Amino acid sequence: WGIVSKAIALSNDEKMEVIIKDKCYSYFLEVFIIKELIEDLDDSLNNQELVFKIIQYAINDA
């Protein structure tokens, strides 16, 4: 995962992987978790730093 990775948000879908137009998207985090992380992180972070922190959370803590 990286700052330029493409992402989609699914609602009420329990699948860990979804294929759309021959591209496979795999589970990352629930949207509510990402929203909570954004609220808890430092407001001074730029977009790249914010995405990095969210990715690190997904890798290490989720």
C-alpha atoms as a PDB file:
ATOM      1  CA  TRP A   1       0.000   0.000   0.000  1.00  0.00           C
ATOM      2  CA  GLY A   2       1.160   3.508  -0.749  1.00  0.00           C
ATOM      3  CA  ILE A   3      -0.016   7.070  -1.177  1.00  0.00           C
ATOM      4  CA  VAL A   4      -0.858   6.467  -4.839  1.00  0.00           C
ATOM      5  CA  SER A   5      -2.613   3.127  -4.294  1.00  0.00           C
ATOM      6  CA  LYS A   6      -6.132   3.018  -5.661  1.00  0.00           C
ATOM      7  CA  ALA A   7      -8.865   2.340  -3.151  1.00  0.00           C
ATOM      8  CA  ILE A   8     -12.587   1.764  -3.105  1.00  0.00           C
ATOM      9  CA  ALA A   9     -15.005   1.903  -0.191  1.00  0.00           C
ATOM     10  CA  LEU A  10     -17.618  -0.810   0.185  1.00  0.00           C
ATOM     11  CA  SER A  11     -20.643  -0.642   2.420  1.00  0.00           C
ATOM     12  CA  ASN A  12     -22.096  -3.664   4.161  1.00  0.00           C
ATOM     13  CA  ASP A  13     -19.825  -6.061   2.306  1.00  0.00           C
ATOM     14  CA  GLU A  14     -17.958  -8.736   4.206  1.00  0.00           C
ATOM     15  CA  LYS A  15     -15.767  -9.902   1.331  1.00  0.00           C
ATOM     16  CA  MET A  16     -12.022  -9.675   1.897  1.00  0.00           C
ATOM     17  CA  GLU A  17     -11.373  -9.276  -1.837  1.00  0.00           C
ATOM     18  CA  VAL A  18     -13.398  -7.771  -4.653  1.00  0.00           C
ATOM     19  CA  ILE A  19     -12.680  -7.800  -8.385  1.00  0.00           C
ATOM     20  CA  ILE A  20     -13.798  -4.804 -10.425  1.00  0.00           C
ATOM     21  CA  LYS A  21     -12.869  -4.475 -14.099  1.00  0.00           C
ATOM     22  CA  ASP A  22     -10.218  -7.223 -13.769  1.00  0.00           C
ATOM     23  CA  LYS A  23      -8.545  -5.499 -10.780  1.00  0.00           C
ATOM     24  CA  CYS A  24      -8.469  -7.207  -7.420  1.00  0.00           C
ATOM     25  CA  TYR A  25      -8.978  -5.005  -4.370  1.00  0.00           C
ATOM     26  CA  SER A  26      -8.209  -6.534  -0.978  1.00  0.00           C
ATOM     27  CA  TYR A  27      -9.307  -5.589   2.526  1.00  0.00           C
ATOM     28  CA  PHE A  28      -7.526  -2.627   4.085  1.00  0.00           C
ATOM     29  CA  LEU A  29      -9.522  -1.130   6.976  1.00  0.00           C
ATOM     30  CA  GLU A  30     -13.111  -0.308   7.813  1.00  0.00           C
ATOM     31  CA  VAL A  31     -13.998   3.298   6.978  1.00  0.00           C
ATOM     32  CA  PHE A  32     -15.022   4.055  10.580  1.00  0.00           C
ATOM     33  CA  ILE A  33     -11.539   3.024  11.780  1.00  0.00           C
ATOM     34  CA  ILE A  34      -9.879   5.350   9.275  1.00  0.00           C
ATOM     35  CA  LYS A  35     -12.156   8.196  10.394  1.00  0.00           C
ATOM     36  CA  GLU A  36     -11.236   7.566  14.048  1.00  0.00           C
ATOM     37  CA  LEU A  37      -7.526   7.513  13.176  1.00  0.00           C
ATOM     38  CA  ILE A  38      -7.810  10.825  11.330  1.00  0.00           C
ATOM     39  CA  GLU A  39      -9.558  12.385  14.344  1.00  0.00           C
ATOM     40  CA  ASP A  40      -6.867  11.072  16.713  1.00  0.00           C
ATOM     41  CA  LEU A  41      -3.819  12.047  14.626  1.00  0.00           C
ATOM     42  CA  ASP A  42      -1.993  15.360  14.746  1.00  0.00           C
ATOM     43  CA  ASP A  43      -3.716  18.092  12.699  1.00  0.00           C
ATOM     44  CA  SER A  44      -0.342  19.337  11.446  1.00  0.00           C
ATOM     45  CA  LEU A  45       0.241  16.223   9.296  1.00  0.00           C
ATOM     46  CA  ASN A  46       0.143  16.747   5.554  1.00  0.00           C
ATOM     47  CA  ASN A  47      -1.806  14.302   3.336  1.00  0.00           C
ATOM     48  CA  GLN A  48       1.215  12.114   2.620  1.00  0.00           C
ATOM     49  CA  GLU A  49       2.090  11.825   6.329  1.00  0.00           C
ATOM     50  CA  LEU A  50      -1.533  11.076   7.182  1.00  0.00           C
ATOM     51  CA  VAL A  51      -1.755   8.292   4.583  1.00  0.00           C
ATOM     52  CA  PHE A  52       1.544   6.853   5.810  1.00  0.00           C
ATOM     53  CA  LYS A  53       0.274   6.775   9.417  1.00  0.00           C
ATOM     54  CA  ILE A  54      -2.946   5.042   8.339  1.00  0.00           C
ATOM     55  CA  ILE A  55      -0.999   2.461   6.308  1.00  0.00           C
ATOM     56  CA  GLN A  56       1.321   1.833   9.245  1.00  0.00           C
ATOM     57  CA  TYR A  57      -1.692   1.295  11.481  1.00  0.00           C
ATOM     58  CA  ALA A  58      -3.180  -1.190   8.997  1.00  0.00           C
ATOM     59  CA  ILE A  59       0.088  -3.131   8.798  1.00  0.00           C
ATOM     60  CA  ASN A  60       1.062  -3.122  12.480  1.00  0.00           C
ATOM     61  CA  ASP A  61      -2.056  -2.723  14.585  1.00  0.00           C
ATOM     62  CA  ALA A  62      -5.118  -3.887  12.675  1.00  0.00           C
END
